Amino acid sequence: MKKQLLIVDGYNMIGSWPELVLLKKQEKMADAREALLHRLSNYAKYEGIEVIVVFDAQLVPGIQQNYKKYQLEVVFTKEDETADSYIERIAGQLNDRLTQVTVATSDLAEQWMIFSQGALRTSAYELYKTIQKTEKNIAQDNINMQFDNFRRNSPWSKEQLEKLSQKLDDLMRKGR
């Protein structure tokens, strides 16, 4: 099976996801970036994929840097390089027989370029919905884990719980 790699146009997501748009309007761009990275990190860990998040340097001028945060690779492009051109370049380099690259952007021109390189694409809205679904799955898994831990630590034996359940069923039937 191919390794899955998701490349995300960071500011494209910030301009599309409702809670991130709100932070952007409040001029809290650093908070919006942080919230995006946090959600993508949870998604990546749960789905077992690698994620690269690319930001234009235009909103953070003068720096070009790559670093790891929350097990994500975060890239701020050079001052004269757009996130689109960076994404197009690395998507072509990284998409091969062993790696399936998916690019998250709502930029139509970039989507066509990505398709021409054999990579897949997902829109900002599609990724947002996918992450919401994953977050619900994570929450449900946590509930199930807590319930399993509760049952594991219960003073009741399995046989006692079955007898108790049977008595409860009998009482419910008699009460009708």
N, C-alpha and C. Protein backbone atom coordinates (compact mmCIF):
# COMPACT_ATOMS: atom_id res chain seq x y z
N MET A 1 0.84 -1.18 0.00
CA MET A 1 0.00 0.00 0.00
C MET A 1 0.89 1.25 0.00
N LYS A 2 0.47 2.24 -0.74
CA LYS A 2 1.24 3.48 -0.84
C LYS A 2 1.14 4.30 0.44
N LYS A 3 2.24 4.96 0.73
CA LYS A 3 2.24 5.93 1.84
C LYS A 3 1.36 7.10 1.41
N GLN A 4 0.53 7.58 2.32
CA GLN A 4 -0.35 8.71 2.03
C GLN A 4 0.28 10.00 2.55
N LEU A 5 0.36 10.99 1.67
CA LEU A 5 0.92 12.29 2.02
C LEU A 5 -0.08 13.37 1.64
N LEU A 6 -0.45 14.18 2.60
CA LEU A 6 -1.37 15.30 2.37
C LEU A 6 -0.58 16.59 2.43
N ILE A 7 -0.66 17.38 1.36
CA ILE A 7 -0.02 18.70 1.34
C ILE A 7 -1.14 19.74 1.40
N VAL A 8 -1.08 20.61 2.39
CA VAL A 8 -2.17 21.55 2.66
C VAL A 8 -1.71 22.98 2.39
N ASP A 9 -2.51 23.71 1.60
CA ASP A 9 -2.31 25.14 1.40
C ASP A 9 -2.90 25.84 2.62
N GLY A 10 -2.05 26.19 3.57
CA GLY A 10 -2.49 26.66 4.88
C GLY A 10 -3.42 27.86 4.85
N TYR A 11 -3.04 28.92 4.14
CA TYR A 11 -3.88 30.11 4.14
C TYR A 11 -5.17 29.89 3.36
N ASN A 12 -5.18 28.95 2.44
CA ASN A 12 -6.40 28.60 1.72
C ASN A 12 -7.41 27.99 2.70
N MET A 13 -6.93 27.15 3.62
CA MET A 13 -7.81 26.56 4.63
C MET A 13 -8.29 27.64 5.60
N ILE A 14 -7.38 28.51 6.02
CA ILE A 14 -7.74 29.58 6.96
C ILE A 14 -8.81 30.49 6.35
N GLY A 15 -8.76 30.69 5.05
CA GLY A 15 -9.75 31.52 4.38
C GLY A 15 -11.06 30.81 4.09
N SER A 16 -11.14 29.50 4.42
CA SER A 16 -12.34 28.72 4.09
C SER A 16 -13.04 28.10 5.29
N TRP A 17 -12.32 27.71 6.31
CA TRP A 17 -12.92 27.04 7.45
C TRP A 17 -13.54 28.08 8.38
N PRO A 18 -14.82 27.94 8.73
CA PRO A 18 -15.54 28.98 9.47
C PRO A 18 -14.84 29.51 10.72
N GLU A 19 -14.38 28.62 11.60
CA GLU A 19 -13.76 29.11 12.84
C GLU A 19 -12.42 29.78 12.57
N LEU A 20 -11.74 29.38 11.50
CA LEU A 20 -10.46 30.02 11.16
C LEU A 20 -10.69 31.36 10.47
N VAL A 21 -11.75 31.46 9.68
CA VAL A 21 -12.12 32.74 9.06
C VAL A 21 -12.41 33.77 10.15
N LEU A 22 -13.10 33.33 11.20
CA LEU A 22 -13.42 34.22 12.31
C LEU A 22 -12.14 34.75 12.98
N LEU A 23 -11.19 33.87 13.22
CA LEU A 23 -9.91 34.31 13.80
C LEU A 23 -9.18 35.28 12.88
N LYS A 24 -9.24 34.99 11.58
CA LYS A 24 -8.59 35.87 10.60
C LYS A 24 -9.22 37.26 10.62
N LYS A 25 -10.55 37.32 10.70
CA LYS A 25 -11.25 38.60 10.74
C LYS A 25 -10.92 39.39 12.00
N GLN A 26 -10.60 38.67 13.07
CA GLN A 26 -10.23 39.32 14.33
C GLN A 26 -8.73 39.64 14.37
N GLU A 27 -8.08 39.47 13.22
CA GLU A 27 -6.65 39.73 13.08
C GLU A 27 -5.81 38.88 14.04
N LYS A 28 -6.22 37.63 14.20
CA LYS A 28 -5.50 36.67 15.03
C LYS A 28 -4.95 35.56 14.13
N MET A 29 -4.13 35.97 13.17
CA MET A 29 -3.62 35.02 12.18
C MET A 29 -2.76 33.93 12.82
N ALA A 30 -1.96 34.28 13.80
CA ALA A 30 -1.12 33.28 14.47
C ALA A 30 -2.00 32.23 15.16
N ASP A 31 -3.10 32.68 15.77
CA ASP A 31 -4.04 31.75 16.41
C ASP A 31 -4.71 30.86 15.37
N ALA A 32 -5.05 31.43 14.22
CA ALA A 32 -5.67 30.66 13.15
C ALA A 32 -4.70 29.58 12.64
N ARG A 33 -3.44 29.96 12.45
CA ARG A 33 -2.44 28.97 12.02
C ARG A 33 -2.30 27.86 13.05
N GLU A 34 -2.25 28.25 14.30
CA GLU A 34 -2.09 27.27 15.39
C GLU A 34 -3.29 26.32 15.45
N ALA A 35 -4.50 26.85 15.32
CA ALA A 35 -5.71 26.02 15.34
C ALA A 35 -5.72 25.05 14.16
N LEU A 36 -5.32 25.54 12.99
CA LEU A 36 -5.24 24.68 11.81
C LEU A 36 -4.25 23.54 12.03
N LEU A 37 -3.07 23.87 12.53
CA LEU A 37 -2.05 22.85 12.76
C LEU A 37 -2.52 21.82 13.79
N HIS A 38 -3.19 22.28 14.81
CA HIS A 38 -3.69 21.37 15.85
C HIS A 38 -4.69 20.36 15.27
N ARG A 39 -5.65 20.86 14.49
CA ARG A 39 -6.67 19.98 13.91
C ARG A 39 -6.06 19.02 12.90
N LEU A 40 -5.14 19.52 12.08
CA LEU A 40 -4.48 18.66 11.09
C LEU A 40 -3.63 17.60 11.78
N SER A 41 -3.02 17.93 12.89
CA SER A 41 -2.20 16.97 13.63
C SER A 41 -3.05 15.81 14.14
N ASN A 42 -4.19 16.13 14.73
CA ASN A 42 -5.08 15.07 15.21
C ASN A 42 -5.54 14.18 14.07
N TYR A 43 -5.89 14.81 12.97
CA TYR A 43 -6.33 14.08 11.78
C TYR A 43 -5.22 13.16 11.27
N ALA A 44 -4.02 13.69 11.14
CA ALA A 44 -2.89 12.92 10.62
C ALA A 44 -2.59 11.72 11.51
N LYS A 45 -2.58 11.93 12.79
CA LYS A 45 -2.27 10.85 13.73
C LYS A 45 -3.34 9.77 13.67
N TYR A 46 -4.60 10.15 13.66
CA TYR A 46 -5.70 9.19 13.65
C TYR A 46 -5.73 8.40 12.35
N GLU A 47 -5.50 9.07 11.23
CA GLU A 47 -5.57 8.41 9.92
C GLU A 47 -4.25 7.75 9.52
N GLY A 48 -3.18 8.03 10.24
CA GLY A 48 -1.89 7.43 9.94
C GLY A 48 -1.26 7.94 8.65
N ILE A 49 -1.40 9.24 8.41
CA ILE A 49 -0.83 9.84 7.20
C ILE A 49 0.18 10.92 7.58
N GLU A 50 1.01 11.28 6.60
CA GLU A 50 1.93 12.40 6.78
C GLU A 50 1.28 13.66 6.22
N VAL A 51 1.55 14.79 6.85
CA VAL A 51 0.97 16.06 6.41
C VAL A 51 2.06 17.13 6.34
N ILE A 52 2.06 17.86 5.23
CA ILE A 52 2.91 19.04 5.07
C ILE A 52 1.97 20.23 4.92
N VAL A 53 2.15 21.25 5.75
CA VAL A 53 1.32 22.45 5.68
C VAL A 53 2.20 23.59 5.17
N VAL A 54 1.74 24.22 4.08
CA VAL A 54 2.53 25.27 3.43
C VAL A 54 1.83 26.61 3.59
N PHE A 55 2.60 27.61 4.06
CA PHE A 55 2.10 28.97 4.19
C PHE A 55 2.94 29.88 3.30
N ASP A 56 2.27 30.84 2.65
CA ASP A 56 2.98 31.89 1.91
C ASP A 56 3.77 32.73 2.90
N ALA A 57 4.92 33.20 2.48
CA ALA A 57 5.70 34.10 3.34
C ALA A 57 5.12 35.52 3.32
N GLN A 58 4.16 35.78 2.42
CA GLN A 58 3.62 37.14 2.30
C GLN A 58 3.04 37.67 3.61
N LEU A 59 2.47 36.78 4.42
CA LEU A 59 1.88 37.24 5.68
C LEU A 59 2.86 37.15 6.85
N VAL A 60 4.01 36.54 6.62
CA VAL A 60 5.08 36.49 7.60
C VAL A 60 6.37 36.79 6.85
N PRO A 61 6.56 38.05 6.42
CA PRO A 61 7.67 38.37 5.53
C PRO A 61 9.04 38.19 6.16
N GLY A 62 10.01 37.95 5.27
CA GLY A 62 11.40 37.92 5.68
C GLY A 62 11.91 36.58 6.17
N ILE A 63 11.05 35.59 6.23
CA ILE A 63 11.53 34.30 6.70
C ILE A 63 11.20 33.20 5.70
N GLN A 64 12.08 32.24 5.65
CA GLN A 64 11.77 30.99 4.97
C GLN A 64 12.18 29.92 5.95
N GLN A 65 11.26 29.08 6.31
CA GLN A 65 11.63 28.05 7.27
C GLN A 65 10.77 26.82 7.13
N ASN A 66 11.37 25.72 7.50
CA ASN A 66 10.68 24.44 7.60
C ASN A 66 10.90 23.96 9.03
N TYR A 67 9.86 23.48 9.65
CA TYR A 67 10.03 22.91 10.98
C TYR A 67 8.93 21.90 11.24
N LYS A 68 9.14 21.07 12.25
CA LYS A 68 8.14 20.09 12.66
C LYS A 68 7.38 20.65 13.84
N LYS A 69 6.06 20.49 13.79
CA LYS A 69 5.22 20.89 14.92
C LYS A 69 4.03 19.96 14.96
N TYR A 70 3.75 19.40 16.12
CA TYR A 70 2.65 18.45 16.27
C TYR A 70 2.77 17.29 15.28
N GLN A 71 3.96 16.87 14.98
CA GLN A 71 4.24 15.79 14.02
C GLN A 71 3.82 16.14 12.60
N LEU A 72 3.73 17.42 12.31
CA LEU A 72 3.47 17.91 10.96
C LEU A 72 4.73 18.60 10.47
N GLU A 73 4.91 18.62 9.15
CA GLU A 73 5.97 19.46 8.59
C GLU A 73 5.32 20.78 8.20
N VAL A 74 5.85 21.87 8.73
CA VAL A 74 5.31 23.20 8.46
C VAL A 74 6.34 23.96 7.63
N VAL A 75 5.87 24.56 6.53
CA VAL A 75 6.75 25.27 5.61
C VAL A 75 6.24 26.70 5.42
N PHE A 76 7.11 27.67 5.63
CA PHE A 76 6.86 29.04 5.20
C PHE A 76 7.76 29.26 3.99
N THR A 77 7.16 29.62 2.87
CA THR A 77 7.92 29.76 1.63
C THR A 77 8.84 30.97 1.68
N LYS A 78 9.75 31.03 0.70
CA LYS A 78 10.59 32.22 0.55
C LYS A 78 9.69 33.41 0.25
N GLU A 79 10.20 34.59 0.50
CA GLU A 79 9.40 35.81 0.34
C GLU A 79 8.86 35.98 -1.07
N ASP A 80 9.58 35.55 -2.07
CA ASP A 80 9.11 35.72 -3.46
C ASP A 80 8.48 34.46 -4.03
N GLU A 81 8.20 33.48 -3.19
CA GLU A 81 7.61 32.22 -3.67
C GLU A 81 6.22 32.05 -3.08
N THR A 82 5.24 31.73 -3.92
CA THR A 82 3.88 31.50 -3.43
C THR A 82 3.76 30.08 -2.90
N ALA A 83 2.78 29.88 -2.04
CA ALA A 83 2.50 28.53 -1.56
C ALA A 83 2.12 27.64 -2.74
N ASP A 84 1.37 28.19 -3.70
CA ASP A 84 0.96 27.41 -4.87
C ASP A 84 2.15 26.86 -5.63
N SER A 85 3.13 27.71 -5.92
CA SER A 85 4.29 27.25 -6.69
C SER A 85 5.11 26.23 -5.89
N TYR A 86 5.23 26.43 -4.60
CA TYR A 86 5.96 25.49 -3.75
C TYR A 86 5.24 24.13 -3.75
N ILE A 87 3.92 24.16 -3.56
CA ILE A 87 3.13 22.94 -3.51
C ILE A 87 3.21 22.19 -4.84
N GLU A 88 3.07 22.92 -5.94
CA GLU A 88 3.16 22.27 -7.26
C GLU A 88 4.51 21.59 -7.44
N ARG A 89 5.57 22.24 -7.00
CA ARG A 89 6.92 21.69 -7.16
C ARG A 89 7.10 20.43 -6.32
N ILE A 90 6.75 20.50 -5.03
CA ILE A 90 7.01 19.33 -4.19
C ILE A 90 6.02 18.19 -4.44
N ALA A 91 4.80 18.53 -4.86
CA ALA A 91 3.83 17.47 -5.19
C ALA A 91 4.37 16.62 -6.33
N GLY A 92 4.94 17.26 -7.33
CA GLY A 92 5.52 16.53 -8.45
C GLY A 92 6.72 15.70 -8.03
N GLN A 93 7.53 16.22 -7.12
CA GLN A 93 8.72 15.50 -6.66
C GLN A 93 8.36 14.30 -5.77
N LEU A 94 7.37 14.46 -4.92
CA LEU A 94 7.07 13.44 -3.91
C LEU A 94 6.07 12.38 -4.37
N ASN A 95 5.29 12.68 -5.41
CA ASN A 95 4.29 11.72 -5.89
C ASN A 95 5.01 10.68 -6.75
N ASP A 96 5.08 9.44 -6.24
CA ASP A 96 5.76 8.38 -6.99
C ASP A 96 5.07 7.04 -6.73
N ARG A 97 5.75 5.96 -7.09
CA ARG A 97 5.14 4.64 -6.94
C ARG A 97 4.89 4.27 -5.49
N LEU A 98 5.63 4.85 -4.58
CA LEU A 98 5.51 4.50 -3.17
C LEU A 98 4.69 5.50 -2.35
N THR A 99 4.44 6.66 -2.92
CA THR A 99 3.75 7.72 -2.19
C THR A 99 2.60 8.29 -3.02
N GLN A 100 1.41 8.33 -2.42
CA GLN A 100 0.26 8.97 -3.05
C GLN A 100 0.08 10.34 -2.42
N VAL A 101 0.29 11.37 -3.22
CA VAL A 101 0.16 12.74 -2.74
C VAL A 101 -1.26 13.24 -3.00
N THR A 102 -1.83 13.86 -1.98
CA THR A 102 -3.11 14.56 -2.11
C THR A 102 -2.86 16.01 -1.69
N VAL A 103 -3.35 16.94 -2.48
CA VAL A 103 -3.18 18.36 -2.17
C VAL A 103 -4.53 18.94 -1.78
N ALA A 104 -4.55 19.64 -0.64
CA ALA A 104 -5.77 20.29 -0.17
C ALA A 104 -5.70 21.77 -0.52
N THR A 105 -6.54 22.16 -1.47
CA THR A 105 -6.64 23.56 -1.88
C THR A 105 -7.96 23.76 -2.61
N SER A 106 -8.47 24.96 -2.59
CA SER A 106 -9.65 25.28 -3.38
C SER A 106 -9.29 26.13 -4.59
N ASP A 107 -8.02 26.34 -4.82
CA ASP A 107 -7.52 27.09 -5.97
C ASP A 107 -7.63 26.21 -7.22
N LEU A 108 -8.54 26.56 -8.14
CA LEU A 108 -8.79 25.72 -9.32
C LEU A 108 -7.57 25.56 -10.21
N ALA A 109 -6.82 26.63 -10.41
CA ALA A 109 -5.62 26.54 -11.26
C ALA A 109 -4.62 25.57 -10.66
N GLU A 110 -4.47 25.63 -9.35
CA GLU A 110 -3.54 24.71 -8.68
C GLU A 110 -4.05 23.27 -8.77
N GLN A 111 -5.37 23.08 -8.66
CA GLN A 111 -5.93 21.74 -8.77
C GLN A 111 -5.61 21.11 -10.12
N TRP A 112 -5.74 21.87 -11.20
CA TRP A 112 -5.43 21.35 -12.53
C TRP A 112 -3.96 20.98 -12.65
N MET A 113 -3.09 21.80 -12.10
CA MET A 113 -1.66 21.52 -12.14
C MET A 113 -1.36 20.24 -11.36
N ILE A 114 -2.00 20.07 -10.22
CA ILE A 114 -1.80 18.89 -9.39
C ILE A 114 -2.24 17.63 -10.13
N PHE A 115 -3.43 17.71 -10.75
CA PHE A 115 -3.92 16.57 -11.53
C PHE A 115 -2.93 16.18 -12.62
N SER A 116 -2.34 17.16 -13.28
CA SER A 116 -1.42 16.88 -14.38
C SER A 116 -0.16 16.16 -13.89
N GLN A 117 0.14 16.26 -12.60
CA GLN A 117 1.31 15.59 -12.04
C GLN A 117 0.97 14.24 -11.42
N GLY A 118 -0.28 13.83 -11.53
CA GLY A 118 -0.69 12.53 -11.02
C GLY A 118 -1.09 12.52 -9.56
N ALA A 119 -1.09 13.67 -8.93
CA ALA A 119 -1.50 13.74 -7.53
C ALA A 119 -3.02 13.90 -7.45
N LEU A 120 -3.56 13.64 -6.28
CA LEU A 120 -4.99 13.83 -6.05
C LEU A 120 -5.21 15.19 -5.41
N ARG A 121 -6.46 15.63 -5.38
CA ARG A 121 -6.76 16.90 -4.75
C ARG A 121 -8.02 16.78 -3.92
N THR A 122 -8.11 17.63 -2.93
CA THR A 122 -9.32 17.77 -2.14
C THR A 122 -9.50 19.26 -1.88
N SER A 123 -10.74 19.70 -1.87
CA SER A 123 -11.00 21.13 -1.65
C SER A 123 -10.91 21.43 -0.15
N ALA A 124 -10.85 22.71 0.17
CA ALA A 124 -10.82 23.13 1.57
C ALA A 124 -12.07 22.63 2.29
N TYR A 125 -13.22 22.73 1.63
CA TYR A 125 -14.48 22.29 2.23
C TYR A 125 -14.48 20.78 2.47
N GLU A 126 -14.01 20.02 1.48
CA GLU A 126 -13.96 18.56 1.62
C GLU A 126 -13.05 18.15 2.77
N LEU A 127 -11.90 18.79 2.88
CA LEU A 127 -10.98 18.47 3.98
C LEU A 127 -11.61 18.85 5.32
N TYR A 128 -12.27 19.99 5.36
CA TYR A 128 -12.95 20.43 6.58
C TYR A 128 -13.97 19.39 7.04
N LYS A 129 -14.78 18.91 6.12
CA LYS A 129 -15.80 17.91 6.45
C LYS A 129 -15.16 16.59 6.86
N THR A 130 -14.09 16.20 6.18
CA THR A 130 -13.38 14.96 6.51
C THR A 130 -12.80 15.06 7.92
N ILE A 131 -12.23 16.20 8.25
CA ILE A 131 -11.65 16.38 9.59
C ILE A 131 -12.74 16.40 10.65
N GLN A 132 -13.88 17.01 10.36
CA GLN A 132 -14.99 16.99 11.31
C GLN A 132 -15.43 15.55 11.59
N LYS A 133 -15.52 14.75 10.54
CA LYS A 133 -15.91 13.34 10.70
C LYS A 133 -14.87 12.59 11.52
N THR A 134 -13.61 12.84 11.25
CA THR A 134 -12.53 12.19 12.01
C THR A 134 -12.59 12.60 13.48
N GLU A 135 -12.86 13.88 13.74
CA GLU A 135 -12.95 14.34 15.13
C GLU A 135 -14.11 13.66 15.86
N LYS A 136 -15.22 13.42 15.16
CA LYS A 136 -16.34 12.68 15.77
C LYS A 136 -15.92 11.24 16.06
N ASN A 137 -15.18 10.62 15.14
CA ASN A 137 -14.69 9.26 15.36
C ASN A 137 -13.74 9.20 16.55
N ILE A 138 -12.87 10.20 16.67
CA ILE A 138 -11.94 10.25 17.80
C ILE A 138 -12.72 10.36 19.11
N ALA A 139 -13.73 11.23 19.13
CA ALA A 139 -14.55 11.41 20.33
C ALA A 139 -15.27 10.11 20.69
N GLN A 140 -15.81 9.42 19.69
CA GLN A 140 -16.50 8.16 19.94
C GLN A 140 -15.53 7.09 20.44
N ASP A 141 -14.35 7.05 19.85
CA ASP A 141 -13.33 6.10 20.31
C ASP A 141 -12.95 6.37 21.77
N ASN A 142 -12.88 7.65 22.15
CA ASN A 142 -12.57 8.00 23.54
C ASN A 142 -13.66 7.54 24.48
N ILE A 143 -14.92 7.71 24.07
CA ILE A 143 -16.05 7.25 24.88
C ILE A 143 -15.98 5.74 25.04
N ASN A 144 -15.76 5.05 23.92
CA ASN A 144 -15.68 3.59 23.98
C ASN A 144 -14.53 3.13 24.87
N MET A 145 -13.40 3.82 24.79
CA MET A 145 -12.24 3.46 25.60
C MET A 145 -12.54 3.68 27.08
N GLN A 146 -13.21 4.79 27.40
CA GLN A 146 -13.56 5.06 28.79
C GLN A 146 -14.52 4.00 29.31
N PHE A 147 -15.48 3.60 28.47
CA PHE A 147 -16.44 2.58 28.88
C PHE A 147 -15.73 1.25 29.08
N ASP A 148 -14.83 0.90 28.17
CA ASP A 148 -14.07 -0.35 28.31
C ASP A 148 -13.24 -0.33 29.58
N ASN A 149 -12.62 0.81 29.88
CA ASN A 149 -11.83 0.92 31.11
C ASN A 149 -12.72 0.81 32.34
N PHE A 150 -13.91 1.39 32.26
CA PHE A 150 -14.85 1.29 33.38
C PHE A 150 -15.22 -0.16 33.61
N ARG A 151 -15.56 -0.86 32.53
CA ARG A 151 -15.94 -2.27 32.66
C ARG A 151 -14.77 -3.09 33.16
N ARG A 152 -13.58 -2.78 32.70
CA ARG A 152 -12.40 -3.53 33.10
C ARG A 152 -12.13 -3.35 34.60
N ASN A 153 -12.44 -2.16 35.13
CA ASN A 153 -12.17 -1.86 36.53
C ASN A 153 -13.38 -2.11 37.43
N SER A 154 -14.45 -2.64 36.89
CA SER A 154 -15.67 -2.87 37.65
C SER A 154 -15.45 -4.00 38.66
N PRO A 155 -16.05 -3.89 39.85
CA PRO A 155 -15.93 -4.97 40.84
C PRO A 155 -16.82 -6.17 40.50
N TRP A 156 -17.67 -6.02 39.51
CA TRP A 156 -18.59 -7.08 39.12
C TRP A 156 -17.90 -8.02 38.13
N SER A 157 -18.15 -9.31 38.28
CA SER A 157 -17.62 -10.28 37.32
C SER A 157 -18.54 -10.29 36.10
N LYS A 158 -18.07 -10.91 35.05
CA LYS A 158 -18.86 -10.99 33.82
C LYS A 158 -20.17 -11.74 34.08
N GLU A 159 -20.09 -12.83 34.84
CA GLU A 159 -21.29 -13.63 35.15
C GLU A 159 -22.29 -12.82 35.97
N GLN A 160 -21.78 -12.05 36.94
CA GLN A 160 -22.66 -11.22 37.76
C GLN A 160 -23.35 -10.16 36.91
N LEU A 161 -22.61 -9.56 35.99
CA LEU A 161 -23.21 -8.55 35.11
C LEU A 161 -24.28 -9.16 34.22
N GLU A 162 -24.04 -10.38 33.73
CA GLU A 162 -25.03 -11.05 32.89
C GLU A 162 -26.29 -11.36 33.69
N LYS A 163 -26.14 -11.85 34.94
CA LYS A 163 -27.29 -12.15 35.79
C LYS A 163 -28.07 -10.87 36.09
N LEU A 164 -27.35 -9.81 36.40
CA LEU A 164 -27.98 -8.52 36.68
C LEU A 164 -28.75 -8.02 35.47
N SER A 165 -28.16 -8.15 34.30
CA SER A 165 -28.82 -7.74 33.06
C SER A 165 -30.08 -8.57 32.83
N GLN A 166 -30.01 -9.87 33.09
CA GLN A 166 -31.17 -10.75 32.93
C GLN A 166 -32.28 -10.35 33.90
N LYS A 167 -31.94 -10.09 35.15
CA LYS A 167 -32.95 -9.67 36.14
C LYS A 167 -33.60 -8.35 35.73
N LEU A 168 -32.80 -7.44 35.20
CA LEU A 168 -33.32 -6.16 34.74
C LEU A 168 -34.30 -6.38 33.58
N ASP A 169 -33.94 -7.25 32.65
CA ASP A 169 -34.84 -7.56 31.53
C ASP A 169 -36.14 -8.17 32.04
N ASP A 170 -36.05 -9.09 33.02
CA ASP A 170 -37.25 -9.72 33.60
C ASP A 170 -38.15 -8.68 34.26
N LEU A 171 -37.55 -7.77 35.00
CA LEU A 171 -38.33 -6.72 35.66
C LEU A 171 -39.00 -5.80 34.64
N MET A 172 -38.29 -5.51 33.56
CA MET A 172 -38.86 -4.64 32.51
C MET A 172 -40.06 -5.32 31.86
N ARG A 173 -39.97 -6.62 31.62
CA ARG A 173 -41.09 -7.35 31.00
C ARG A 173 -42.28 -7.42 31.94
N LYS A 174 -42.04 -7.63 33.22
CA LYS A 174 -43.13 -7.71 34.20
C LYS A 174 -43.82 -6.36 34.38
N GLY A 175 -43.06 -5.29 34.21
CA GLY A 175 -43.59 -3.94 34.39
C GLY A 175 -44.52 -3.51 33.26
N ARG A 176 -44.52 -4.20 32.15
CA ARG A 176 -45.35 -3.80 31.01
C ARG A 176 -46.75 -4.17 31.20
